[in-house]
Amino acid sequence: MSLDLPFFYDNILLSSKIADQFYLEGFGNFIPDKNIDTGHPVLWPVLLAGTWKMLGRNLFSGHFLSLLFIIPAILLYLKIAVKLINEHYLWIAAAFLIIEPTWFAQSTMVGPDVPIVTFFLLGIYAVIYDYKKLLIIATIVLSLLSVRGAILSFLLFTHLIIWNNQKAELKSFLKDLLYFIPSFLVFVGWITWHYINTGVLIEQPDSAWSAHHQFVNATQFFKNIGIIIWRFIDFGRIGLYLILFIILLKEGFKNRNRKVLMWILLPVMLLVLIVSIRTSPILHRYFMVYFILLSIYAAKLISEIESTSFRNIALSIAILSCLLGQFLVYPDTVAQGWDGSLAHLPYFHQRDKMLNYIENQNIHPDQIITTFPNLNGDYYSDLHKQPYNFQSIHENELFDKEYVWQSNVFNDFSDEQIKTLQTKAILVKEFKNWNVYTRLYKSTINN
């Protein structure tokens, strides 16, 4: 179903653009060009470029590569679930994985977050089945996928400590720590190699995204906490977590359930702290591994409900809430995490129609102002052969050019700019499905 879906949002940069450089120029020293160097390790774009060389530079190759990680992720999820849930109710955990909005959305894309989930789950599997040597593999690969993967490697260590319930056993603590040293050395090795070749440890100080990697003040810190809470309950998950809360109140907080919940929540709190101290936009996929673990925990609690009628009601509410949440679209004034659910899907057809309209009307790309993720036309997103660029809203005033291409899928247009377009520009063309729209405006000020 997703074979024809283009690269979307951050995957355009983190997957397609970097992989395109390696595909065309060779792998060299594994350092992307400065204008696309995010500082992340490049295992994923290297794998993607290698797949393109074998199967061709096309969308099928990328989705095929993703599938090689999606299938193991599902199997690992079920192996983890069966350790915590009565096997008779394993279908509940399977259903919750299918309806998890952000996991479902990311599974239709080609990006590093799916393999991050896969190897994080491999690490969790290693923890609960006591296959500690697997932790070495899981954490090394995580550290080569992204900076966030390296952070998740550290969080796996906290999962291990909590699962083993180690308190003051220094000897056991140090012994378990040894399994994480290889991934630490690998990540330090990457940072060192990156510094030798670029002069910076991770992010480029003059990059377009450098402003997103500053430390926050107290006000912004607590604002970030609020955003993270929103991310956890967004896209229908609020119904699932409300059911969890009701179950805990009704059934009591049993010791075995308390231990599992703390095993999940304490590392989550560490991740929240790490994410909240930076100015980087807080995206749903940052927490996807814990959305998935909480899905298992929800399945565990619901499966233990003694009343069949209450269990069925709880299950129905949770499933219906997450299914409906997939199609939630916020008003234009609210920045939505478009890669966190399937709500963005209509945009691809709208974009194709708009590109055809622009071509048929002989409108030159240089005369169109737009923004991410639409700046590069369809060269990096659909892997078409001819690259062309629109003008960026960040490098131009709103009406510097004759046309403005705006969509509610584009979060970079300010509320004021959207209002100005709606009141002071001519709407030339619009495509709309459900609550997703794509519009081409013509300026009436300079033309």
Protein backbone atom coordinates (compact mmCIF):
# COMPACT_ATOMS: atom_id res chain seq x y z
CA MET A 1 0.00 0.00 0.00
CA SER A 2 2.90 2.39 0.66
CA LEU A 3 5.22 1.46 -2.21
CA ASP A 4 4.47 4.65 -4.15
CA LEU A 5 4.55 7.02 -1.18
CA PRO A 6 7.31 9.65 -1.50
CA PHE A 7 9.88 10.62 1.09
CA PHE A 8 8.24 12.97 3.55
CA TYR A 9 9.27 15.63 6.05
CA ASP A 10 12.63 15.01 7.78
CA ASN A 11 13.14 11.83 5.78
CA ILE A 12 13.76 13.99 2.72
CA LEU A 13 16.96 15.20 4.37
CA LEU A 14 17.89 12.34 6.70
CA SER A 15 17.28 9.68 4.05
CA SER A 16 16.98 10.90 0.47
CA LYS A 17 19.34 13.89 0.26
CA ILE A 18 22.26 12.30 2.08
CA ALA A 19 21.76 8.95 0.35
CA ASP A 20 21.63 10.76 -3.00
CA GLN A 21 25.10 12.22 -2.36
CA PHE A 22 26.54 8.81 -1.51
CA TYR A 23 24.76 7.24 -4.49
CA LEU A 24 26.13 9.78 -6.99
CA GLU A 25 29.55 10.55 -5.52
CA GLY A 26 30.49 7.38 -3.66
CA PHE A 27 30.73 6.89 0.07
CA GLY A 28 34.10 8.64 0.46
CA ASN A 29 34.70 9.48 4.11
CA PHE A 30 31.00 9.04 5.03
CA ILE A 31 30.61 12.77 5.77
CA PRO A 32 27.70 14.53 4.00
CA ASP A 33 28.17 17.90 2.34
CA LYS A 34 28.05 20.80 4.78
CA ASN A 35 24.62 22.02 3.65
CA ILE A 36 23.02 18.65 4.48
CA ASP A 37 25.25 17.52 7.36
CA THR A 38 23.05 17.10 10.43
CA GLY A 39 25.81 15.56 12.53
CA HIS A 40 24.00 12.24 12.81
CA PRO A 41 25.86 9.01 12.05
CA VAL A 42 25.10 7.95 8.48
CA LEU A 43 24.43 4.20 8.67
CA TRP A 44 20.86 4.61 7.40
CA PRO A 45 21.58 6.74 4.28
CA VAL A 46 24.55 4.46 3.53
CA LEU A 47 22.20 1.45 3.59
CA LEU A 48 19.70 3.31 1.44
CA ALA A 49 22.32 4.34 -1.12
CA GLY A 50 23.61 0.77 -1.23
CA THR A 51 20.08 -0.51 -1.83
CA TRP A 52 19.66 2.00 -4.66
CA LYS A 53 22.85 0.72 -6.27
CA MET A 54 21.50 -2.83 -6.18
CA LEU A 55 17.81 -2.27 -6.95
CA GLY A 56 17.76 1.16 -8.58
CA ARG A 57 17.15 4.68 -7.32
CA ASN A 58 13.40 4.42 -6.88
CA LEU A 59 10.75 4.43 -4.19
CA PHE A 60 10.37 0.66 -4.25
CA SER A 61 13.98 0.18 -3.14
CA GLY A 62 13.51 2.38 -0.10
CA HIS A 63 10.27 0.77 0.99
CA PHE A 64 11.79 -2.67 0.48
CA LEU A 65 14.68 -1.69 2.74
CA SER A 66 12.22 -0.43 5.37
CA LEU A 67 10.33 -3.71 5.21
CA LEU A 68 13.52 -5.55 6.19
CA PHE A 69 13.31 -3.70 9.53
CA ILE A 70 9.52 -3.56 9.92
CA ILE A 71 9.10 -7.36 9.97
CA PRO A 72 11.74 -7.96 12.70
CA ALA A 73 10.27 -5.07 14.71
CA ILE A 74 6.84 -6.73 14.68
CA LEU A 75 8.29 -10.12 15.67
CA LEU A 76 10.33 -8.58 18.49
CA TYR A 77 7.28 -6.66 19.71
CA LEU A 78 5.29 -9.88 19.94
CA LYS A 79 8.15 -11.72 21.69
CA ILE A 80 8.32 -8.91 24.26
CA ALA A 81 4.55 -8.88 24.67
CA VAL A 82 4.28 -12.62 25.23
CA LYS A 83 6.76 -12.29 28.09
CA LEU A 84 4.43 -9.86 29.86
CA ILE A 85 0.97 -10.97 28.73
CA ASN A 86 -0.96 -14.20 28.86
CA GLU A 87 -0.48 -15.77 25.42
CA HIS A 88 -4.24 -16.11 25.06
CA TYR A 89 -4.49 -12.30 24.91
CA LEU A 90 -1.52 -11.68 22.65
CA TRP A 91 -3.95 -10.56 19.94
CA ILE A 92 -4.72 -7.45 22.01
CA ALA A 93 -1.07 -6.42 21.93
CA ALA A 94 -0.97 -7.12 18.18
CA ALA A 95 -4.05 -4.94 17.67
CA PHE A 96 -2.51 -2.10 19.67
CA LEU A 97 0.64 -2.19 17.54
CA ILE A 98 -1.43 -1.97 14.36
CA ILE A 99 -3.41 1.04 15.57
CA GLU A 100 -0.45 2.92 17.13
CA PRO A 101 -0.70 6.12 15.06
CA THR A 102 2.94 7.18 14.87
CA TRP A 103 4.32 3.68 14.33
CA PHE A 104 1.78 3.07 11.57
CA ALA A 105 2.64 6.38 9.90
CA GLN A 106 6.39 5.85 10.12
CA SER A 107 5.99 2.32 8.74
CA THR A 108 4.66 3.81 5.50
CA MET A 109 7.73 6.04 5.17
CA VAL A 110 11.40 5.49 4.37
CA GLY A 111 13.47 6.83 7.24
CA PRO A 112 15.78 5.94 10.12
CA ASP A 113 13.04 5.79 12.76
CA VAL A 114 11.85 2.31 11.79
CA PRO A 115 15.31 0.71 12.23
CA ILE A 116 15.70 2.72 15.45
CA VAL A 117 12.53 1.05 16.75
CA THR A 118 13.74 -2.35 15.54
CA PHE A 119 17.07 -2.24 17.34
CA PHE A 120 15.60 -0.63 20.45
CA LEU A 121 13.13 -3.51 20.64
CA LEU A 122 16.03 -5.91 20.09
CA GLY A 123 17.66 -4.32 23.13
CA ILE A 124 14.46 -4.66 25.18
CA TYR A 125 14.19 -8.29 24.05
CA ALA A 126 17.77 -8.86 25.19
CA VAL A 127 16.97 -7.32 28.59
CA ILE A 128 13.88 -9.34 29.43
CA TYR A 129 15.17 -12.64 27.99
CA ASP A 130 18.64 -12.12 29.49
CA TYR A 131 20.49 -12.30 26.17
CA LYS A 132 22.95 -9.59 27.13
CA LYS A 133 25.32 -10.14 24.23
CA LEU A 134 22.51 -9.02 21.94
CA LEU A 135 22.66 -5.68 23.74
CA ILE A 136 26.07 -5.10 22.21
CA ILE A 137 24.66 -5.50 18.69
CA ALA A 138 21.50 -3.48 19.41
CA THR A 139 23.28 -0.54 21.02
CA ILE A 140 26.08 -0.37 18.45
CA VAL A 141 23.58 -0.18 15.58
CA LEU A 142 21.47 2.39 17.47
CA SER A 143 24.57 4.53 17.95
CA LEU A 144 25.30 4.37 14.22
CA LEU A 145 21.75 5.34 13.21
CA SER A 146 21.43 8.73 14.91
CA VAL A 147 22.28 10.81 17.97
CA ARG A 148 18.88 9.85 19.37
CA GLY A 149 19.82 6.22 18.82
CA ALA A 150 22.86 6.77 21.03
CA ILE A 151 20.61 8.30 23.69
CA LEU A 152 18.30 5.28 23.48
CA SER A 153 21.35 3.04 23.99
CA PHE A 154 21.89 4.76 27.33
CA LEU A 155 18.21 4.35 28.17
CA LEU A 156 18.48 0.63 27.46
CA PHE A 157 21.04 0.50 30.24
CA THR A 158 18.50 2.02 32.63
CA HIS A 159 15.93 -0.54 31.46
CA LEU A 160 18.40 -3.30 32.27
CA ILE A 161 19.12 -1.96 35.75
CA ILE A 162 15.44 -1.55 36.60
CA TRP A 163 14.49 -4.94 35.17
CA ASN A 164 17.17 -6.67 37.25
CA ASN A 165 16.11 -4.60 40.26
CA GLN A 166 19.72 -3.84 41.10
CA LYS A 167 20.09 -1.41 43.97
CA ALA A 168 23.52 -1.41 45.60
CA GLU A 169 25.06 -4.34 43.78
CA LEU A 170 28.06 -2.48 42.41
CA LYS A 171 29.68 -5.59 40.98
CA SER A 172 26.59 -6.52 38.93
CA PHE A 173 26.15 -2.89 37.90
CA LEU A 174 29.71 -2.67 36.53
CA LYS A 175 29.40 -6.05 34.84
CA ASP A 176 26.26 -4.96 32.98
CA LEU A 177 27.87 -1.65 32.10
CA LEU A 178 30.51 -3.53 30.10
CA TYR A 179 27.89 -4.52 27.51
CA PHE A 180 27.33 -0.84 26.68
CA ILE A 181 30.94 0.25 26.36
CA PRO A 182 31.30 -0.91 22.70
CA SER A 183 28.41 1.30 21.55
CA PHE A 184 29.78 4.22 23.58
CA LEU A 185 33.18 3.83 21.92
CA VAL A 186 31.55 3.56 18.48
CA PHE A 187 29.60 6.77 19.01
CA VAL A 188 32.63 8.62 20.38
CA GLY A 189 34.54 7.32 17.36
CA TRP A 190 31.91 8.79 15.04
CA ILE A 191 31.96 12.16 16.80
CA THR A 192 35.76 12.21 16.61
CA TRP A 193 35.74 11.29 12.92
CA HIS A 194 33.10 13.95 12.24
CA TYR A 195 35.16 16.55 14.07
CA ILE A 196 38.34 15.65 12.18
CA ASN A 197 36.56 16.09 8.84
CA THR A 198 34.30 19.06 9.61
CA GLY A 199 35.73 20.90 12.61
CA VAL A 200 32.48 20.48 14.59
CA LEU A 201 31.36 17.69 16.89
CA ILE A 202 27.77 17.29 15.71
CA GLU A 203 25.67 20.10 14.20
CA GLN A 204 27.03 22.78 11.91
CA PRO A 205 26.83 26.14 13.76
CA ASP A 206 25.70 28.01 10.62
CA SER A 207 23.23 25.38 9.37
CA ALA A 208 19.54 26.06 8.81
CA TRP A 209 18.71 23.95 11.85
CA SER A 210 21.41 25.25 14.23
CA ALA A 211 18.84 27.40 16.05
CA HIS A 212 17.09 24.21 17.08
CA HIS A 213 20.08 22.99 19.08
CA GLN A 214 20.40 25.66 21.78
CA PHE A 215 19.72 25.28 25.48
CA VAL A 216 16.40 26.61 26.74
CA ASN A 217 15.49 28.88 29.64
CA ALA A 218 13.19 27.80 32.47
CA THR A 219 10.03 29.03 30.74
CA GLN A 220 10.80 27.17 27.53
CA PHE A 221 11.76 24.05 29.51
CA PHE A 222 8.32 23.79 31.12
CA LYS A 223 6.69 24.64 27.79
CA ASN A 224 8.58 21.71 26.28
CA ILE A 225 7.29 19.45 29.06
CA GLY A 226 3.76 20.47 28.12
CA ILE A 227 4.42 19.78 24.43
CA ILE A 228 5.76 16.32 25.27
CA ILE A 229 2.63 15.51 27.31
CA TRP A 230 0.61 16.62 24.28
CA ARG A 231 2.70 14.36 22.03
CA PHE A 232 1.94 11.36 24.24
CA ILE A 233 -1.84 11.87 24.23
CA ASP A 234 -2.05 13.12 20.64
CA PHE A 235 -3.72 11.34 17.70
CA GLY A 236 -6.14 9.39 19.86
CA ARG A 237 -3.69 8.00 22.39
CA ILE A 238 -5.56 10.01 25.03
CA GLY A 239 -8.35 7.42 24.87
CA LEU A 240 -5.88 4.59 25.41
CA TYR A 241 -4.19 6.28 28.37
CA LEU A 242 -7.52 7.27 29.89
CA ILE A 243 -8.48 3.60 29.88
CA LEU A 244 -5.17 2.77 31.57
CA PHE A 245 -5.86 5.31 34.30
CA ILE A 246 -9.38 3.98 34.90
CA ILE A 247 -8.12 0.40 35.08
CA LEU A 248 -5.45 1.32 37.61
CA LEU A 249 -8.07 3.06 39.75
CA LYS A 250 -10.63 0.24 39.43
CA GLU A 251 -8.42 -2.83 39.67
CA GLY A 252 -5.80 -1.48 42.04
CA PHE A 253 -2.11 -0.98 41.44
CA LYS A 254 -0.84 -4.55 41.65
CA ASN A 255 2.82 -5.01 42.42
CA ARG A 256 3.65 -6.77 39.14
CA ASN A 257 1.96 -4.01 37.17
CA ARG A 258 3.73 -1.33 39.17
CA LYS A 259 7.15 -2.82 38.41
CA VAL A 260 6.47 -2.98 34.67
CA LEU A 261 5.13 0.58 34.64
CA MET A 262 8.19 1.92 36.47
CA TRP A 263 10.41 -0.06 34.08
CA ILE A 264 8.85 1.96 31.25
CA LEU A 265 8.25 5.34 32.89
CA LEU A 266 11.60 5.99 34.58
CA PRO A 267 13.55 5.86 31.28
CA VAL A 268 10.77 7.95 29.70
CA MET A 269 11.35 10.61 32.33
CA LEU A 270 15.06 10.64 31.47
CA LEU A 271 14.25 11.00 27.77
CA VAL A 272 11.80 13.82 28.51
CA LEU A 273 14.51 15.63 30.47
CA ILE A 274 17.07 15.22 27.66
CA VAL A 275 14.65 16.43 24.98
CA SER A 276 13.28 19.33 27.01
CA ILE A 277 16.57 21.12 27.59
CA ARG A 278 17.06 21.89 23.87
CA THR A 279 15.22 24.20 21.49
CA SER A 280 14.79 21.47 18.88
CA PRO A 281 11.19 20.94 17.69
CA ILE A 282 9.68 18.10 19.69
CA LEU A 283 8.29 15.48 17.34
CA HIS A 284 6.11 12.47 18.01
CA ARG A 285 8.63 10.01 16.56
CA TYR A 286 11.13 10.93 19.28
CA PHE A 287 8.97 8.95 21.69
CA MET A 288 7.74 6.23 19.36
CA VAL A 289 9.62 3.43 21.12
CA TYR A 290 7.76 4.28 24.31
CA PHE A 291 4.41 4.62 22.57
CA ILE A 292 5.04 1.02 21.54
CA LEU A 293 6.08 -0.20 25.00
CA LEU A 294 3.05 1.51 26.53
CA SER A 295 0.89 -0.30 23.97
CA ILE A 296 2.16 -3.58 25.41
CA TYR A 297 1.50 -2.33 28.94
CA ALA A 298 -2.02 -1.30 27.95
CA ALA A 299 -2.63 -4.74 26.46
CA LYS A 300 -1.35 -6.27 29.71
CA LEU A 301 -3.74 -4.30 31.91
CA ILE A 302 -6.77 -4.83 29.66
CA SER A 303 -6.08 -8.56 29.40
CA GLU A 304 -6.12 -8.80 33.21
CA ILE A 305 -9.59 -7.25 33.58
CA GLU A 306 -11.80 -9.89 35.15
CA SER A 307 -15.09 -8.50 33.85
CA THR A 308 -15.58 -9.52 30.21
CA SER A 309 -17.97 -6.65 29.52
CA PHE A 310 -15.60 -4.07 31.05
CA ARG A 311 -12.69 -5.56 29.09
CA ASN A 312 -14.61 -5.33 25.82
CA ILE A 313 -15.67 -1.73 26.50
CA ALA A 314 -12.13 -0.70 27.42
CA LEU A 315 -10.71 -2.41 24.34
CA SER A 316 -13.30 -0.83 22.05
CA ILE A 317 -12.70 2.69 23.37
CA ALA A 318 -8.92 2.36 23.07
CA ILE A 319 -9.03 1.01 19.52
CA LEU A 320 -11.66 3.46 18.30
CA SER A 321 -9.83 6.43 19.82
CA CYS A 322 -6.52 5.58 18.11
CA LEU A 323 -8.18 4.80 14.78
CA LEU A 324 -10.02 8.11 14.72
CA GLY A 325 -6.91 9.91 15.92
CA GLN A 326 -5.11 8.91 12.72
CA PHE A 327 -7.18 11.46 10.82
CA LEU A 328 -7.09 14.32 13.30
CA VAL A 329 -6.20 17.63 11.63
CA TYR A 330 -5.69 20.73 13.75
CA PRO A 331 -6.58 24.29 12.70
CA ASP A 332 -4.03 26.22 10.62
CA THR A 333 -2.78 28.08 13.70
CA VAL A 334 -1.64 24.84 15.37
CA ALA A 335 1.60 23.22 14.16
CA GLN A 336 0.80 19.55 13.61
CA GLY A 337 3.22 16.63 13.67
CA TRP A 338 2.37 15.56 10.14
CA ASP A 339 4.72 12.58 10.13
CA GLY A 340 3.15 11.30 13.35
CA SER A 341 -0.08 10.02 11.81
CA LEU A 342 -1.65 9.13 8.47
CA ALA A 343 -3.51 12.46 8.24
CA HIS A 344 -0.94 13.75 5.74
CA LEU A 345 -1.67 11.13 3.06
CA PRO A 346 -4.01 13.30 0.92
CA TYR A 347 -1.20 15.82 0.50
CA PHE A 348 0.77 13.65 -1.92
CA HIS A 349 -2.03 13.55 -4.51
CA GLN A 350 -2.71 17.26 -4.00
CA ARG A 351 0.96 18.06 -4.55
CA ASP A 352 1.08 16.01 -7.75
CA LYS A 353 -1.99 17.82 -9.08
CA MET A 354 -0.49 21.19 -8.15
CA LEU A 355 2.80 20.35 -9.88
CA ASN A 356 0.87 19.41 -13.02
CA TYR A 357 -1.13 22.63 -12.81
CA ILE A 358 2.05 24.71 -12.44
CA GLU A 359 3.62 22.98 -15.43
CA ASN A 360 0.51 23.37 -17.58
CA GLN A 361 0.30 27.07 -16.71
CA ASN A 362 3.99 27.56 -17.56
CA ILE A 363 4.72 28.99 -14.13
CA HIS A 364 8.47 28.94 -13.46
CA PRO A 365 9.58 27.52 -10.07
CA ASP A 366 11.66 30.67 -9.47
CA GLN A 367 8.40 32.62 -9.21
CA ILE A 368 6.93 30.42 -6.46
CA ILE A 369 7.62 30.89 -2.75
CA THR A 370 7.00 27.87 -0.55
CA THR A 371 8.69 25.98 2.27
CA PHE A 372 9.77 22.62 3.66
CA PRO A 373 9.03 19.85 2.76
CA ASN A 374 8.20 21.20 -0.71
CA LEU A 375 11.29 23.24 -1.59
CA ASN A 376 12.96 20.75 -3.91
CA GLY A 377 9.94 19.83 -5.98
CA ASP A 378 9.81 16.06 -6.40
CA TYR A 379 13.49 15.27 -7.04
CA TYR A 380 14.34 14.13 -3.52
CA SER A 381 10.83 13.13 -2.45
CA ASP A 382 9.78 11.06 -5.49
CA LEU A 383 13.29 10.46 -6.85
CA HIS A 384 12.47 12.01 -10.21
CA LYS A 385 15.41 12.71 -12.49
CA GLN A 386 15.22 16.48 -12.98
CA PRO A 387 15.94 18.60 -9.89
CA TYR A 388 14.41 22.06 -9.51
CA ASN A 389 13.92 24.38 -6.58
CA PHE A 390 11.20 26.69 -5.42
CA GLN A 391 11.98 29.84 -3.44
CA SER A 392 12.10 29.56 0.34
CA ILE A 393 9.80 31.59 2.57
CA HIS A 394 12.77 31.95 4.94
CA GLU A 395 14.88 33.71 2.32
CA ASN A 396 12.16 35.94 0.82
CA GLU A 397 9.40 38.24 1.93
CA LEU A 398 5.93 36.79 1.45
CA PHE A 399 5.19 38.64 -1.79
CA ASP A 400 8.71 38.93 -3.22
CA LYS A 401 7.67 36.57 -6.02
CA GLU A 402 4.53 36.29 -8.07
CA TYR A 403 3.15 33.12 -6.46
CA VAL A 404 3.00 31.48 -3.03
CA TRP A 405 2.38 27.74 -2.58
CA GLN A 406 0.91 27.09 0.87
CA SER A 407 -0.61 24.06 2.54
CA ASN A 408 -1.66 23.28 6.09
CA VAL A 409 0.91 20.47 5.87
CA PHE A 410 3.58 23.20 5.82
CA ASN A 411 4.25 24.28 9.41
CA ASP A 412 6.71 27.05 8.51
CA PHE A 413 4.11 29.63 7.43
CA SER A 414 3.33 31.87 10.40
CA ASP A 415 -0.24 32.62 11.48
CA GLU A 416 0.21 36.18 10.24
CA GLN A 417 1.47 35.04 6.84
CA ILE A 418 -1.47 32.66 6.41
CA LYS A 419 -3.89 35.44 7.32
CA THR A 420 -2.17 37.81 4.87
CA LEU A 421 -2.44 35.26 2.08
CA GLN A 422 -6.12 34.69 2.75
CA THR A 423 -6.93 38.44 2.79
CA LYS A 424 -4.44 40.09 0.41
CA ALA A 425 -3.66 37.49 -2.25
CA ILE A 426 -5.67 35.84 -5.01
CA LEU A 427 -6.36 32.13 -4.57
CA VAL A 428 -5.44 30.73 -7.97
CA LYS A 429 -5.84 27.01 -7.33
CA GLU A 430 -6.82 24.78 -4.43
CA PHE A 431 -6.95 21.04 -3.91
CA LYS A 432 -8.59 19.71 -0.76
CA ASN A 433 -9.36 16.28 0.69
CA TRP A 434 -10.71 15.71 4.18
CA ASN A 435 -9.18 18.60 6.13
CA VAL A 436 -5.89 18.70 4.23
CA TYR A 437 -5.50 21.40 1.57
CA THR A 438 -2.90 22.70 -0.90
CA ARG A 439 -3.22 26.24 -2.30
CA LEU A 440 -1.49 28.39 -4.88
CA TYR A 441 -1.84 32.13 -4.30
CA LYS A 442 -0.98 35.01 -6.63
CA SER A 443 0.35 38.23 -5.19
CA THR A 444 -1.63 41.44 -5.80
CA ILE A 445 0.99 43.68 -4.23
CA ASN A 446 4.05 43.63 -6.51
CA ASN A 447 2.45 42.28 -9.66
